[in-house]
Each structure stands twice: as C-alpha cells, then as structure tokens.
Amino acid sequence: MSESDHAIDLAYENFLVKPSAANYLNVRSLLLANPRWIRRDEELVQLGRLSRKSDLVGMMELAERMIPAWIVCPRFHFLLATTAGSVGDDETAELERFQFESCLQGILASGDGSRARPYFVVHTSDIRDAMRALGVTAVGQEVLARGDSLCDAMHCLDGAKLYFVRSETIMAEWSELQEAQQSLFLWN
C-alpha cells in the first residue's frame, strides 16, 4: 500500500468516525490531489446499471475498482445500500447507508451554498444528491469563475441559487481549453 493510499484510508476512517466539514474536506483534498484517482462518471453509470439488475456481486467487484475515487460520493454508497437491501444483505445495506448519510453530512457541512461559502463536492452526482437532501429542484445552471476554481451556480425552482465547487484544478483545465479553442479559431 502506497503512502497516499494509507493517507486516504486513514482520512476516510477519521471522517466516518466524525463526519465533519474539516474531515470531509481533508478526504476531498487528498482525492483531488492524486491524479491516479481520476473520477469517471461512466463508472457510476455502470454501478447504477448493475444496481437495477440487483447484481450485488458485480457491484462489489466494480466498487473495489472505484475506491478510493468514489468514497465520499453519496450516490456510490446509496446504490450499494439499496441493492444490498434488495437482495437481503442487511449488514452491507446498513454500512453503505451510514456512509451515504455521512457523505451527505460532510458535503452540507462544507459550506452554506452561498457564493461566499459554496458547498465543496467531488462528483457531479454530489450536487444532485445535496440538492435532493435540501429539498430543492434545479431549473438552471451556470459555471462561474471563483478564484482558481470554477463554481457551479444552480438556479432553484424557488428562485434561490446554490453554489458548488467541484475541483480547484478545473480552472486550469478550463483556461487550457479556452486557449486551445482560441488557437483553433485563429488558425482557421
């Protein structure tokens, strides 16, 4: 086990013992700092497909490959919990439900959703899960610059806006993309 693997395991264990904003943000920063833990939405889609088939064995095999990149994703744990429950594996269902709730608590404790104190998330699905937990419905979205990062501003049905920061590295990627697009535009 590498030093970074050990660090993330310890940080996640601390987070589960005390699902606070500080412990959540610590796990989040470790995940985002390690390029080996690239998060692909397709993996979560595949996990959802296996869940609809009630294929807990297949889900657990895929989940092993998705860890640690998805460990603070509420949806990851929700899918595992509901499938485990549907096939009668109550112990796994209870453990995954606890992790689902802890991840939501961590996200919601990371800010208040305002532009000054946005929620910090890792995955796109985290935004949907946090909004569902808050009982709000998105009707629009815009991406805003926030320092060195990009912020998703979610326009809600009730007229409110909620702000979410996914990754501090996205801003650099966004700048590179804009430069590449500008170069292509000038080239043509």
N, C-alpha and C. Protein backbone atom coordinates (compact mmCIF):
# COMPACT_ATOMS: atom_id res chain seq x y z
N MET A 1 0.85 -1.18 0.00
CA MET A 1 0.00 0.00 0.00
C MET A 1 0.90 1.24 0.00
N SER A 2 0.62 2.16 -0.91
CA SER A 2 1.43 3.38 -1.00
C SER A 2 1.11 4.33 0.15
N GLU A 3 1.96 5.31 0.30
CA GLU A 3 1.75 6.31 1.36
C GLU A 3 0.46 7.09 1.14
N SER A 4 0.17 7.42 -0.13
CA SER A 4 -1.07 8.16 -0.41
C SER A 4 -2.30 7.28 -0.16
N ASP A 5 -2.20 5.98 -0.47
CA ASP A 5 -3.31 5.07 -0.18
C ASP A 5 -3.57 4.99 1.32
N HIS A 6 -2.49 4.90 2.08
CA HIS A 6 -2.62 4.84 3.54
C HIS A 6 -3.23 6.14 4.07
N ALA A 7 -2.78 7.26 3.52
CA ALA A 7 -3.28 8.57 3.98
C ALA A 7 -4.78 8.71 3.71
N ILE A 8 -5.23 8.27 2.54
CA ILE A 8 -6.66 8.40 2.23
C ILE A 8 -7.48 7.44 3.08
N ASP A 9 -6.96 6.24 3.31
CA ASP A 9 -7.68 5.29 4.19
C ASP A 9 -7.85 5.86 5.59
N LEU A 10 -6.78 6.41 6.13
CA LEU A 10 -6.83 6.99 7.48
C LEU A 10 -7.77 8.20 7.52
N ALA A 11 -7.68 9.05 6.51
CA ALA A 11 -8.53 10.24 6.47
C ALA A 11 -10.00 9.85 6.36
N TYR A 12 -10.30 8.84 5.55
CA TYR A 12 -11.70 8.41 5.39
C TYR A 12 -12.21 7.77 6.68
N GLU A 13 -11.37 6.99 7.33
CA GLU A 13 -11.75 6.40 8.61
C GLU A 13 -12.06 7.49 9.63
N ASN A 14 -11.22 8.52 9.69
CA ASN A 14 -11.46 9.66 10.60
C ASN A 14 -12.77 10.36 10.24
N PHE A 15 -13.03 10.50 8.96
CA PHE A 15 -14.26 11.14 8.50
C PHE A 15 -15.49 10.34 8.95
N LEU A 16 -15.43 9.02 8.82
CA LEU A 16 -16.58 8.20 9.22
C LEU A 16 -16.81 8.24 10.73
N VAL A 17 -15.72 8.34 11.50
CA VAL A 17 -15.86 8.45 12.95
C VAL A 17 -16.50 9.78 13.30
N LYS A 18 -16.09 10.84 12.59
CA LYS A 18 -16.64 12.17 12.82
C LYS A 18 -16.86 12.85 11.47
N PRO A 19 -18.06 12.73 10.91
CA PRO A 19 -18.33 13.30 9.59
C PRO A 19 -18.51 14.83 9.63
N SER A 20 -17.43 15.52 9.90
CA SER A 20 -17.43 16.98 9.98
C SER A 20 -16.98 17.59 8.65
N ALA A 21 -17.16 18.89 8.53
CA ALA A 21 -16.69 19.60 7.34
C ALA A 21 -15.18 19.44 7.18
N ALA A 22 -14.44 19.62 8.27
CA ALA A 22 -12.97 19.54 8.20
C ALA A 22 -12.52 18.16 7.74
N ASN A 23 -13.12 17.11 8.29
CA ASN A 23 -12.71 15.76 7.90
C ASN A 23 -13.13 15.42 6.47
N TYR A 24 -14.30 15.89 6.07
CA TYR A 24 -14.74 15.70 4.69
C TYR A 24 -13.79 16.42 3.72
N LEU A 25 -13.49 17.67 4.02
CA LEU A 25 -12.62 18.46 3.14
C LEU A 25 -11.21 17.87 3.07
N ASN A 26 -10.76 17.25 4.15
CA ASN A 26 -9.45 16.60 4.14
C ASN A 26 -9.45 15.42 3.16
N VAL A 27 -10.47 14.58 3.23
CA VAL A 27 -10.56 13.45 2.30
C VAL A 27 -10.67 13.97 0.87
N ARG A 28 -11.51 14.97 0.67
CA ARG A 28 -11.71 15.56 -0.66
C ARG A 28 -10.39 16.07 -1.24
N SER A 29 -9.62 16.79 -0.42
CA SER A 29 -8.36 17.36 -0.92
C SER A 29 -7.37 16.25 -1.28
N LEU A 30 -7.33 15.17 -0.50
CA LEU A 30 -6.45 14.05 -0.83
C LEU A 30 -6.87 13.39 -2.14
N LEU A 31 -8.16 13.24 -2.35
CA LEU A 31 -8.65 12.65 -3.60
C LEU A 31 -8.29 13.50 -4.80
N LEU A 32 -8.52 14.80 -4.69
CA LEU A 32 -8.27 15.69 -5.82
C LEU A 32 -6.79 15.88 -6.10
N ALA A 33 -5.95 15.64 -5.10
CA ALA A 33 -4.51 15.84 -5.26
C ALA A 33 -3.82 14.68 -5.97
N ASN A 34 -4.47 13.55 -6.07
CA ASN A 34 -3.82 12.37 -6.63
C ASN A 34 -4.37 12.05 -8.02
N PRO A 35 -3.56 12.25 -9.06
CA PRO A 35 -4.05 12.01 -10.42
C PRO A 35 -4.41 10.55 -10.70
N ARG A 36 -3.94 9.62 -9.86
CA ARG A 36 -4.31 8.21 -10.05
C ARG A 36 -5.79 7.99 -9.81
N TRP A 37 -6.39 8.89 -9.05
CA TRP A 37 -7.78 8.71 -8.66
C TRP A 37 -8.70 9.57 -9.52
N ILE A 38 -8.53 9.44 -10.82
CA ILE A 38 -9.39 10.16 -11.75
C ILE A 38 -10.80 9.59 -11.64
N ARG A 39 -11.76 10.47 -11.56
CA ARG A 39 -13.15 10.09 -11.37
C ARG A 39 -13.88 10.16 -12.71
N ARG A 40 -14.38 9.03 -13.14
CA ARG A 40 -15.11 8.98 -14.40
C ARG A 40 -16.58 8.71 -14.12
N ASP A 41 -17.45 9.57 -14.61
CA ASP A 41 -18.88 9.40 -14.39
C ASP A 41 -19.40 8.08 -14.95
N GLU A 42 -18.73 7.56 -15.99
CA GLU A 42 -19.17 6.30 -16.58
C GLU A 42 -19.16 5.17 -15.56
N GLU A 43 -18.23 5.22 -14.61
CA GLU A 43 -18.16 4.18 -13.59
C GLU A 43 -19.43 4.19 -12.73
N LEU A 44 -19.89 5.36 -12.37
CA LEU A 44 -21.10 5.46 -11.56
C LEU A 44 -22.33 5.03 -12.37
N VAL A 45 -22.34 5.34 -13.66
CA VAL A 45 -23.43 4.89 -14.54
C VAL A 45 -23.46 3.36 -14.58
N GLN A 46 -22.29 2.76 -14.72
CA GLN A 46 -22.20 1.29 -14.75
C GLN A 46 -22.67 0.69 -13.43
N LEU A 47 -22.30 1.33 -12.31
CA LEU A 47 -22.74 0.86 -11.00
C LEU A 47 -24.27 0.92 -10.91
N GLY A 48 -24.85 1.97 -11.46
CA GLY A 48 -26.31 2.10 -11.49
C GLY A 48 -26.97 1.01 -12.32
N ARG A 49 -26.35 0.66 -13.44
CA ARG A 49 -26.90 -0.43 -14.28
C ARG A 49 -26.90 -1.75 -13.51
N LEU A 50 -25.79 -2.02 -12.82
CA LEU A 50 -25.70 -3.25 -12.03
C LEU A 50 -26.72 -3.22 -10.89
N SER A 51 -26.96 -2.05 -10.33
CA SER A 51 -27.93 -1.91 -9.25
C SER A 51 -29.34 -2.24 -9.75
N ARG A 52 -29.69 -1.75 -10.93
CA ARG A 52 -31.01 -2.03 -11.50
C ARG A 52 -31.21 -3.52 -11.75
N LYS A 53 -30.11 -4.24 -11.98
CA LYS A 53 -30.17 -5.70 -12.17
C LYS A 53 -30.09 -6.44 -10.84
N SER A 54 -29.96 -5.70 -9.73
CA SER A 54 -29.76 -6.29 -8.39
C SER A 54 -28.54 -7.22 -8.37
N ASP A 55 -27.50 -6.83 -9.11
CA ASP A 55 -26.27 -7.62 -9.19
C ASP A 55 -25.27 -7.12 -8.15
N LEU A 56 -25.49 -7.51 -6.90
CA LEU A 56 -24.63 -7.04 -5.81
C LEU A 56 -23.20 -7.53 -5.97
N VAL A 57 -23.00 -8.75 -6.44
CA VAL A 57 -21.65 -9.28 -6.63
C VAL A 57 -20.91 -8.43 -7.67
N GLY A 58 -21.55 -8.17 -8.79
CA GLY A 58 -20.94 -7.33 -9.83
C GLY A 58 -20.67 -5.93 -9.33
N MET A 59 -21.61 -5.41 -8.53
CA MET A 59 -21.43 -4.06 -7.97
C MET A 59 -20.23 -4.01 -7.03
N MET A 60 -20.10 -5.02 -6.18
CA MET A 60 -18.99 -5.03 -5.23
C MET A 60 -17.65 -5.15 -5.95
N GLU A 61 -17.61 -5.92 -7.03
CA GLU A 61 -16.38 -6.03 -7.83
C GLU A 61 -16.04 -4.68 -8.45
N LEU A 62 -17.02 -4.02 -9.04
CA LEU A 62 -16.79 -2.70 -9.63
C LEU A 62 -16.44 -1.68 -8.55
N ALA A 63 -17.13 -1.73 -7.43
CA ALA A 63 -16.88 -0.78 -6.34
C ALA A 63 -15.43 -0.87 -5.86
N GLU A 64 -14.88 -2.08 -5.81
CA GLU A 64 -13.48 -2.24 -5.40
C GLU A 64 -12.55 -1.47 -6.33
N ARG A 65 -12.86 -1.46 -7.62
CA ARG A 65 -12.04 -0.72 -8.59
C ARG A 65 -12.27 0.79 -8.51
N MET A 66 -13.44 1.18 -8.01
CA MET A 66 -13.79 2.61 -7.93
C MET A 66 -13.23 3.28 -6.68
N ILE A 67 -12.81 2.49 -5.72
CA ILE A 67 -12.27 3.04 -4.47
C ILE A 67 -10.79 3.33 -4.69
N PRO A 68 -10.26 4.43 -4.23
CA PRO A 68 -10.87 5.40 -3.33
C PRO A 68 -11.55 6.57 -4.02
N ALA A 69 -11.51 6.63 -5.35
CA ALA A 69 -12.00 7.82 -6.05
C ALA A 69 -13.44 8.20 -5.69
N TRP A 70 -14.25 7.24 -5.36
CA TRP A 70 -15.68 7.49 -5.13
C TRP A 70 -16.09 7.40 -3.66
N ILE A 71 -15.15 7.33 -2.73
CA ILE A 71 -15.52 7.05 -1.34
C ILE A 71 -16.33 8.15 -0.67
N VAL A 72 -16.24 9.39 -1.11
CA VAL A 72 -17.07 10.43 -0.49
C VAL A 72 -18.26 10.83 -1.37
N CYS A 73 -18.60 9.97 -2.31
CA CYS A 73 -19.74 10.21 -3.20
C CYS A 73 -21.00 9.56 -2.60
N PRO A 74 -21.98 10.36 -2.19
CA PRO A 74 -23.20 9.79 -1.62
C PRO A 74 -23.87 8.77 -2.54
N ARG A 75 -23.94 9.08 -3.83
CA ARG A 75 -24.64 8.20 -4.78
C ARG A 75 -23.99 6.81 -4.84
N PHE A 76 -22.68 6.76 -4.78
CA PHE A 76 -21.94 5.49 -4.77
C PHE A 76 -22.46 4.60 -3.64
N HIS A 77 -22.54 5.17 -2.44
CA HIS A 77 -22.98 4.39 -1.28
C HIS A 77 -24.49 4.12 -1.32
N PHE A 78 -25.26 5.06 -1.86
CA PHE A 78 -26.71 4.86 -1.97
C PHE A 78 -27.03 3.65 -2.86
N LEU A 79 -26.36 3.58 -4.01
CA LEU A 79 -26.60 2.46 -4.92
C LEU A 79 -26.24 1.13 -4.27
N LEU A 80 -25.10 1.10 -3.58
CA LEU A 80 -24.70 -0.14 -2.90
C LEU A 80 -25.68 -0.49 -1.78
N ALA A 81 -26.14 0.51 -1.04
CA ALA A 81 -27.08 0.26 0.07
C ALA A 81 -28.41 -0.28 -0.43
N THR A 82 -28.97 0.35 -1.46
CA THR A 82 -30.29 -0.09 -1.93
C THR A 82 -30.23 -1.48 -2.54
N THR A 83 -29.17 -1.76 -3.28
CA THR A 83 -29.05 -3.09 -3.88
C THR A 83 -28.82 -4.15 -2.82
N ALA A 84 -27.94 -3.86 -1.86
CA ALA A 84 -27.69 -4.83 -0.78
C ALA A 84 -28.99 -5.10 -0.02
N GLY A 85 -29.76 -4.07 0.24
CA GLY A 85 -31.04 -4.26 0.92
C GLY A 85 -32.01 -5.08 0.12
N SER A 86 -32.03 -4.87 -1.20
CA SER A 86 -32.99 -5.59 -2.05
C SER A 86 -32.67 -7.07 -2.18
N VAL A 87 -31.41 -7.45 -1.96
CA VAL A 87 -31.04 -8.88 -2.04
C VAL A 87 -30.89 -9.50 -0.65
N GLY A 88 -31.26 -8.74 0.38
CA GLY A 88 -31.26 -9.30 1.73
C GLY A 88 -29.95 -9.23 2.48
N ASP A 89 -28.97 -8.49 1.97
CA ASP A 89 -27.70 -8.33 2.68
C ASP A 89 -27.82 -7.11 3.59
N ASP A 90 -28.46 -7.30 4.72
CA ASP A 90 -28.77 -6.19 5.62
C ASP A 90 -27.53 -5.54 6.22
N GLU A 91 -26.50 -6.32 6.48
CA GLU A 91 -25.27 -5.77 7.07
C GLU A 91 -24.60 -4.78 6.12
N THR A 92 -24.45 -5.19 4.85
CA THR A 92 -23.86 -4.29 3.85
C THR A 92 -24.76 -3.09 3.63
N ALA A 93 -26.06 -3.31 3.57
CA ALA A 93 -27.01 -2.21 3.36
C ALA A 93 -26.88 -1.17 4.47
N GLU A 94 -26.78 -1.62 5.71
CA GLU A 94 -26.66 -0.70 6.84
C GLU A 94 -25.35 0.08 6.79
N LEU A 95 -24.25 -0.61 6.49
CA LEU A 95 -22.95 0.06 6.40
C LEU A 95 -22.95 1.10 5.28
N GLU A 96 -23.47 0.74 4.12
CA GLU A 96 -23.48 1.67 2.99
C GLU A 96 -24.44 2.84 3.23
N ARG A 97 -25.55 2.58 3.89
CA ARG A 97 -26.49 3.66 4.24
C ARG A 97 -25.81 4.66 5.18
N PHE A 98 -25.06 4.15 6.15
CA PHE A 98 -24.32 5.02 7.07
C PHE A 98 -23.32 5.89 6.30
N GLN A 99 -22.59 5.28 5.36
CA GLN A 99 -21.61 6.04 4.58
C GLN A 99 -22.30 7.06 3.67
N PHE A 100 -23.44 6.69 3.11
CA PHE A 100 -24.23 7.62 2.29
C PHE A 100 -24.60 8.86 3.11
N GLU A 101 -25.16 8.64 4.30
CA GLU A 101 -25.57 9.74 5.16
C GLU A 101 -24.37 10.57 5.62
N SER A 102 -23.26 9.92 5.91
CA SER A 102 -22.05 10.63 6.34
C SER A 102 -21.52 11.53 5.23
N CYS A 103 -21.52 11.01 4.00
CA CYS A 103 -21.04 11.81 2.87
C CYS A 103 -21.93 13.03 2.64
N LEU A 104 -23.24 12.85 2.74
CA LEU A 104 -24.15 13.99 2.61
C LEU A 104 -23.90 15.01 3.72
N GLN A 105 -23.72 14.54 4.95
CA GLN A 105 -23.43 15.44 6.07
C GLN A 105 -22.15 16.23 5.81
N GLY A 106 -21.12 15.55 5.30
CA GLY A 106 -19.85 16.22 5.01
C GLY A 106 -20.01 17.31 3.97
N ILE A 107 -20.72 17.00 2.89
CA ILE A 107 -20.94 17.98 1.83
C ILE A 107 -21.71 19.18 2.38
N LEU A 108 -22.81 18.92 3.07
CA LEU A 108 -23.65 20.01 3.57
C LEU A 108 -22.96 20.81 4.66
N ALA A 109 -22.01 20.21 5.37
CA ALA A 109 -21.26 20.95 6.40
C ALA A 109 -20.12 21.76 5.80
N SER A 110 -19.77 21.49 4.53
CA SER A 110 -18.62 22.16 3.91
C SER A 110 -18.88 23.62 3.55
N GLY A 111 -20.12 24.04 3.56
CA GLY A 111 -20.48 25.42 3.23
C GLY A 111 -21.94 25.64 3.55
N ASP A 112 -22.46 26.76 3.05
CA ASP A 112 -23.90 27.00 3.23
C ASP A 112 -24.61 27.18 1.89
N GLY A 113 -23.87 26.96 0.80
CA GLY A 113 -24.46 27.07 -0.53
C GLY A 113 -24.47 28.47 -1.11
N SER A 114 -23.99 29.44 -0.33
CA SER A 114 -23.93 30.81 -0.84
C SER A 114 -22.70 30.96 -1.73
N ARG A 115 -22.64 32.07 -2.45
CA ARG A 115 -21.47 32.30 -3.30
C ARG A 115 -20.21 32.46 -2.45
N ALA A 116 -20.35 33.05 -1.27
CA ALA A 116 -19.21 33.25 -0.38
C ALA A 116 -18.77 31.95 0.29
N ARG A 117 -19.72 31.04 0.54
CA ARG A 117 -19.42 29.78 1.22
C ARG A 117 -20.09 28.61 0.49
N PRO A 118 -19.60 28.31 -0.72
CA PRO A 118 -20.23 27.24 -1.51
C PRO A 118 -20.01 25.88 -0.86
N TYR A 119 -20.82 24.93 -1.29
CA TYR A 119 -20.59 23.54 -0.91
C TYR A 119 -19.43 23.01 -1.75
N PHE A 120 -18.60 22.18 -1.16
CA PHE A 120 -17.48 21.57 -1.87
C PHE A 120 -17.81 20.11 -2.15
N VAL A 121 -17.77 19.75 -3.42
CA VAL A 121 -18.11 18.39 -3.84
C VAL A 121 -16.97 17.83 -4.69
N VAL A 122 -17.07 16.56 -5.01
CA VAL A 122 -16.08 15.92 -5.87
C VAL A 122 -16.71 15.54 -7.21
N HIS A 123 -17.93 15.04 -7.17
CA HIS A 123 -18.59 14.49 -8.35
C HIS A 123 -19.84 15.28 -8.72
N THR A 124 -20.19 15.24 -9.98
CA THR A 124 -21.41 15.89 -10.45
C THR A 124 -22.63 15.37 -9.71
N SER A 125 -22.67 14.08 -9.47
CA SER A 125 -23.83 13.49 -8.77
C SER A 125 -23.94 14.01 -7.33
N ASP A 126 -22.83 14.47 -6.75
CA ASP A 126 -22.87 15.02 -5.39
C ASP A 126 -23.77 16.25 -5.34
N ILE A 127 -23.76 17.03 -6.41
CA ILE A 127 -24.60 18.24 -6.48
C ILE A 127 -26.07 17.83 -6.43
N ARG A 128 -26.43 16.88 -7.27
CA ARG A 128 -27.84 16.42 -7.29
C ARG A 128 -28.25 15.84 -5.94
N ASP A 129 -27.38 15.06 -5.33
CA ASP A 129 -27.72 14.45 -4.04
C ASP A 129 -27.86 15.49 -2.94
N ALA A 130 -26.98 16.49 -2.94
CA ALA A 130 -27.08 17.56 -1.93
C ALA A 130 -28.37 18.36 -2.13
N MET A 131 -28.70 18.66 -3.38
CA MET A 131 -29.93 19.41 -3.65
C MET A 131 -31.16 18.61 -3.24
N ARG A 132 -31.14 17.33 -3.50
CA ARG A 132 -32.26 16.47 -3.09
C ARG A 132 -32.38 16.47 -1.57
N ALA A 133 -31.25 16.37 -0.86
CA ALA A 133 -31.27 16.38 0.61
C ALA A 133 -31.81 17.70 1.15
N LEU A 134 -31.55 18.79 0.43
CA LEU A 134 -32.04 20.11 0.84
C LEU A 134 -33.49 20.34 0.41
N GLY A 135 -34.02 19.46 -0.41
CA GLY A 135 -35.41 19.59 -0.86
C GLY A 135 -35.61 20.66 -1.91
N VAL A 136 -34.58 20.93 -2.72
CA VAL A 136 -34.70 21.94 -3.77
C VAL A 136 -34.53 21.30 -5.14
N THR A 137 -35.10 21.96 -6.14
CA THR A 137 -35.06 21.47 -7.51
C THR A 137 -34.34 22.48 -8.39
N ALA A 138 -33.39 21.99 -9.18
CA ALA A 138 -32.65 22.86 -10.10
C ALA A 138 -33.47 23.09 -11.36
N VAL A 139 -33.46 24.34 -11.83
CA VAL A 139 -34.11 24.68 -13.10
C VAL A 139 -33.11 25.27 -14.09
N GLY A 140 -31.88 25.48 -13.63
CA GLY A 140 -30.84 26.02 -14.49
C GLY A 140 -29.49 25.93 -13.81
N GLN A 141 -28.46 26.14 -14.61
CA GLN A 141 -27.10 26.05 -14.09
C GLN A 141 -26.21 26.99 -14.88
N GLU A 142 -25.26 27.59 -14.18
CA GLU A 142 -24.22 28.36 -14.87
C GLU A 142 -22.89 28.07 -14.19
N VAL A 143 -21.83 28.22 -14.94
CA VAL A 143 -20.49 27.98 -14.41
C VAL A 143 -19.81 29.33 -14.26
N LEU A 144 -19.31 29.59 -13.05
CA LEU A 144 -18.68 30.86 -12.73
C LEU A 144 -17.26 30.65 -12.26
N ALA A 145 -16.39 31.61 -12.55
CA ALA A 145 -15.03 31.57 -12.02
C ALA A 145 -15.09 31.96 -10.55
N ARG A 146 -14.32 31.26 -9.74
CA ARG A 146 -14.22 31.55 -8.30
C ARG A 146 -12.76 31.38 -7.91
N GLY A 147 -12.00 32.46 -7.99
CA GLY A 147 -10.57 32.35 -7.70
C GLY A 147 -9.90 31.44 -8.71
N ASP A 148 -9.23 30.40 -8.20
CA ASP A 148 -8.56 29.43 -9.07
C ASP A 148 -9.45 28.26 -9.45
N SER A 149 -10.71 28.35 -9.17
CA SER A 149 -11.60 27.23 -9.44
C SER A 149 -12.85 27.70 -10.17
N LEU A 150 -13.61 26.74 -10.60
CA LEU A 150 -14.91 27.02 -11.20
C LEU A 150 -15.99 26.60 -10.22
N CYS A 151 -17.08 27.33 -10.25
CA CYS A 151 -18.18 27.10 -9.32
C CYS A 151 -19.44 26.87 -10.14
N ASP A 152 -20.18 25.83 -9.80
CA ASP A 152 -21.49 25.59 -10.42
C ASP A 152 -22.53 26.36 -9.63
N ALA A 153 -23.22 27.29 -10.29
CA ALA A 153 -24.32 28.01 -9.66
C ALA A 153 -25.60 27.36 -10.14
N MET A 154 -26.31 26.76 -9.21
CA MET A 154 -27.54 26.05 -9.54
C MET A 154 -28.73 26.96 -9.23
N HIS A 155 -29.50 27.27 -10.26
CA HIS A 155 -30.71 28.08 -10.10
C HIS A 155 -31.84 27.14 -9.68
N CYS A 156 -32.48 27.48 -8.58
CA CYS A 156 -33.51 26.61 -8.00
C CYS A 156 -34.91 27.08 -8.36
N LEU A 157 -35.83 26.16 -8.31
CA LEU A 157 -37.23 26.42 -8.63
C LEU A 157 -37.80 27.55 -7.77
N ASP A 158 -37.36 27.65 -6.52
CA ASP A 158 -37.87 28.69 -5.61
C ASP A 158 -37.18 30.04 -5.80
N GLY A 159 -36.30 30.17 -6.81
CA GLY A 159 -35.63 31.43 -7.10
C GLY A 159 -34.26 31.56 -6.45
N ALA A 160 -33.94 30.68 -5.54
CA ALA A 160 -32.63 30.73 -4.86
C ALA A 160 -31.54 30.22 -5.79
N LYS A 161 -30.29 30.50 -5.43
CA LYS A 161 -29.13 29.95 -6.12
C LYS A 161 -28.29 29.22 -5.09
N LEU A 162 -27.80 28.06 -5.47
CA LEU A 162 -26.87 27.31 -4.63
C LEU A 162 -25.57 27.16 -5.40
N TYR A 163 -24.46 27.32 -4.70
CA TYR A 163 -23.14 27.28 -5.32
C TYR A 163 -22.37 26.06 -4.86
N PHE A 164 -21.71 25.40 -5.82
CA PHE A 164 -20.93 24.19 -5.56
C PHE A 164 -19.58 24.30 -6.25
N VAL A 165 -18.51 23.99 -5.53
CA VAL A 165 -17.17 23.91 -6.12
C VAL A 165 -16.83 22.44 -6.26
N ARG A 166 -16.51 22.02 -7.48
CA ARG A 166 -16.17 20.61 -7.70
C ARG A 166 -14.68 20.35 -7.60
N SER A 167 -13.87 21.15 -8.26
CA SER A 167 -12.43 20.89 -8.26
C SER A 167 -11.67 22.17 -8.49
N GLU A 168 -10.65 22.36 -7.68
CA GLU A 168 -9.81 23.53 -7.84
C GLU A 168 -8.96 23.43 -9.10
N THR A 169 -8.79 22.22 -9.63
CA THR A 169 -7.96 22.05 -10.82
C THR A 169 -8.73 22.33 -12.10
N ILE A 170 -10.04 22.43 -12.01
CA ILE A 170 -10.84 22.64 -13.22
C ILE A 170 -10.52 23.97 -13.88
N MET A 171 -10.20 24.99 -13.08
CA MET A 171 -9.93 26.31 -13.65
C MET A 171 -8.73 26.26 -14.59
N ALA A 172 -7.67 25.56 -14.20
CA ALA A 172 -6.51 25.44 -15.08
C ALA A 172 -6.90 24.69 -16.35
N GLU A 173 -7.69 23.64 -16.21
CA GLU A 173 -8.14 22.88 -17.37
C GLU A 173 -9.02 23.76 -18.26
N TRP A 174 -9.88 24.57 -17.66
CA TRP A 174 -10.77 25.47 -18.40
C TRP A 174 -9.94 26.48 -19.19
N SER A 175 -8.91 27.06 -18.55
CA SER A 175 -8.04 28.03 -19.23
C SER A 175 -7.34 27.39 -20.41
N GLU A 176 -6.84 26.16 -20.22
CA GLU A 176 -6.17 25.45 -21.31
C GLU A 176 -7.14 25.21 -22.47
N LEU A 177 -8.37 24.82 -22.14
CA LEU A 177 -9.38 24.58 -23.17
C LEU A 177 -9.69 25.86 -23.93
N GLN A 178 -9.84 26.97 -23.20
CA GLN A 178 -10.13 28.25 -23.86
C GLN A 178 -8.98 28.66 -24.77
N GLU A 179 -7.73 28.46 -24.31
CA GLU A 179 -6.57 28.79 -25.13
C GLU A 179 -6.55 27.93 -26.39
N ALA A 180 -6.83 26.64 -26.23
CA ALA A 180 -6.85 25.73 -27.38
C ALA A 180 -7.94 26.14 -28.36
N GLN A 181 -9.11 26.49 -27.86
CA GLN A 181 -10.20 26.91 -28.74
C GLN A 181 -9.84 28.22 -29.44
N GLN A 182 -9.19 29.14 -28.72
CA GLN A 182 -8.78 30.40 -29.31
C GLN A 182 -7.76 30.14 -30.42
N SER A 183 -6.81 29.23 -30.18
CA SER A 183 -5.81 28.89 -31.19
C SER A 183 -6.48 28.30 -32.42
N LEU A 184 -7.44 27.43 -32.22
CA LEU A 184 -8.15 26.85 -33.35
C LEU A 184 -8.91 27.92 -34.12
N PHE A 185 -9.52 28.85 -33.41
CA PHE A 185 -10.27 29.92 -34.04
C PHE A 185 -9.33 30.79 -34.88
N LEU A 186 -8.17 31.12 -34.32
CA LEU A 186 -7.22 31.96 -35.05
C LEU A 186 -6.61 31.22 -36.23
N TRP A 187 -6.45 29.92 -36.10
CA TRP A 187 -5.84 29.11 -37.15
C TRP A 187 -6.74 29.07 -38.38
N ASN A 188 -8.04 28.96 -38.15
CA ASN A 188 -8.99 28.87 -39.26
C ASN A 188 -9.16 30.23 -39.81
